[in-house]
Amino acid sequence: MGWRDIKLILAHSADKNDPYSSGWKTNAAGVWFNSFYGFGQLNIQKAVDLAAQWKVVGPLRIYTSYSTFTLPVIISPSGYTRARLNFPHGMISKIESVQLMLAGESNQCGYVKRD
């Protein structure tokens, strides 16, 4: 069992530490998540029970993609913008995490801003 298995077991076995919060949503993996509380409170007994019957996840696969955007990139009033990632067909069936790295530059002082 590796670190990815442990991470998934802890997420799947956690309890809602504030069940009355309106922020709880079920993610694509069917696990409750809250942007304030994360997966919730650690439940050791549930984690041990789940680990006893856990099937080890397959090997880690990393897909790297580079994209460029035409400036200016306008961020919507909600504070979000969308980017589409296209994967070769059949390459990925489940995504555990996404890491986004953003770089920007401008020849105008104060033109690039990140909050």
Protein backbone atom coordinates (compact mmCIF):
# COMPACT_ATOMS: atom_id res chain seq x y z
CA MET A 1 0.00 0.00 0.00
CA GLY A 2 1.39 3.40 -0.97
CA TRP A 3 0.83 7.05 -0.12
CA ARG A 4 -1.91 7.39 -2.74
CA ASP A 5 -3.83 4.52 -1.13
CA ILE A 6 -3.52 6.12 2.31
CA LYS A 7 -4.71 9.48 0.96
CA LEU A 8 -7.77 7.86 -0.64
CA ILE A 9 -8.57 5.72 2.42
CA LEU A 10 -8.49 8.79 4.68
CA ALA A 11 -10.75 10.74 2.31
CA HIS A 12 -13.26 7.88 1.94
CA SER A 13 -13.43 7.20 5.70
CA ALA A 14 -13.65 10.77 7.02
CA ASP A 15 -16.74 12.07 8.82
CA LYS A 16 -18.44 15.41 8.26
CA ASN A 17 -17.18 17.46 11.20
CA ASP A 18 -19.85 20.12 10.63
CA PRO A 19 -22.82 18.28 9.10
CA TYR A 20 -24.95 21.45 9.12
CA SER A 21 -22.57 23.36 6.83
CA SER A 22 -24.10 24.07 3.43
CA GLY A 23 -20.67 23.67 1.82
CA TRP A 24 -20.68 19.87 1.64
CA LYS A 25 -20.73 18.52 -1.91
CA THR A 26 -20.18 15.04 -3.27
CA ASN A 27 -17.20 15.04 -5.63
CA ALA A 28 -16.86 12.96 -8.82
CA ALA A 29 -15.43 10.05 -6.78
CA GLY A 30 -18.57 9.99 -4.61
CA VAL A 31 -16.76 11.40 -1.57
CA TRP A 32 -18.10 14.28 0.52
CA PHE A 33 -15.92 17.40 0.33
CA ASN A 34 -16.19 20.89 1.78
CA SER A 35 -14.01 23.77 0.58
CA PHE A 36 -13.64 24.92 4.20
CA TYR A 37 -13.26 21.53 5.97
CA GLY A 38 -11.76 19.40 3.20
CA PHE A 39 -12.92 15.78 3.56
CA GLY A 40 -13.85 16.33 7.21
CA GLN A 41 -12.71 14.76 10.45
CA LEU A 42 -10.39 11.77 10.47
CA ASN A 43 -12.14 8.58 11.61
CA ILE A 44 -9.39 6.10 12.50
CA GLN A 45 -11.67 3.09 13.03
CA LYS A 46 -13.37 3.56 9.65
CA ALA A 47 -9.96 4.06 8.01
CA VAL A 48 -8.57 0.82 9.51
CA ASP A 49 -11.68 -1.12 8.50
CA LEU A 50 -11.53 0.28 4.96
CA ALA A 51 -7.79 -0.40 4.68
CA ALA A 52 -8.34 -4.06 5.59
CA GLN A 53 -10.41 -4.57 2.42
CA TRP A 54 -8.72 -1.95 0.19
CA LYS A 55 -7.53 -2.86 -3.29
CA VAL A 56 -4.26 -1.09 -4.06
CA VAL A 57 -4.53 1.59 -6.73
CA GLY A 58 -2.64 1.09 -9.97
CA PRO A 59 0.58 2.80 -10.94
CA LEU A 60 0.70 6.58 -10.99
CA ARG A 61 0.47 8.08 -14.46
CA ILE A 62 1.35 11.70 -15.09
CA TYR A 63 0.11 13.63 -18.08
CA THR A 64 1.75 16.96 -18.86
CA SER A 65 0.24 19.49 -21.21
CA TYR A 66 1.29 22.99 -22.09
CA SER A 67 -1.11 25.63 -23.35
CA THR A 68 -0.81 29.26 -24.27
CA PHE A 69 -3.50 31.88 -24.10
CA THR A 70 -3.95 34.98 -26.17
CA LEU A 71 -3.84 38.06 -24.00
CA PRO A 72 -5.73 39.53 -22.40
CA VAL A 73 -7.22 36.63 -20.47
CA ILE A 74 -10.42 37.96 -18.96
CA ILE A 75 -11.50 36.54 -15.62
CA SER A 76 -15.25 36.49 -15.13
CA PRO A 77 -16.88 38.57 -12.34
CA SER A 78 -17.19 35.35 -10.31
CA GLY A 79 -13.39 35.19 -10.20
CA TYR A 80 -13.06 32.08 -12.35
CA THR A 81 -12.13 31.31 -15.92
CA ARG A 82 -12.20 27.97 -17.70
CA ALA A 83 -9.46 26.03 -19.37
CA ARG A 84 -10.00 22.76 -21.19
CA LEU A 85 -7.58 19.86 -20.89
CA ASN A 86 -7.76 17.34 -23.70
CA PHE A 87 -6.39 13.87 -23.02
CA PRO A 88 -5.75 11.19 -25.62
CA HIS A 89 -8.77 8.85 -25.78
CA GLY A 90 -8.57 6.02 -23.25
CA MET A 91 -5.45 7.36 -21.54
CA ILE A 92 -7.12 8.43 -18.29
CA SER A 93 -10.20 6.95 -16.63
CA LYS A 94 -9.91 8.60 -13.19
CA ILE A 95 -8.17 11.75 -12.02
CA GLU A 96 -6.84 11.88 -8.45
CA SER A 97 -5.48 15.38 -8.59
CA VAL A 98 -4.61 18.25 -10.90
CA GLN A 99 -1.68 20.58 -10.53
CA LEU A 100 -1.91 23.85 -12.42
CA MET A 101 1.09 26.06 -12.90
CA LEU A 102 0.52 29.52 -14.31
CA ALA A 103 3.18 31.86 -15.60
CA GLY A 104 2.64 35.30 -17.05
CA GLU A 105 4.69 38.22 -18.18
CA SER A 106 4.16 41.65 -19.60
CA ASN A 107 6.26 44.54 -20.75
CA GLN A 108 3.81 46.93 -19.04
CA CYS A 109 4.38 47.52 -15.32
CA GLY A 110 1.32 46.43 -13.31
CA TYR A 111 -0.29 44.66 -16.27
CA VAL A 112 -0.02 41.16 -14.82
CA LYS A 113 -1.81 40.79 -11.51
CA ARG A 114 -2.63 37.75 -9.39
CA ASP A 115 -4.81 38.01 -6.29
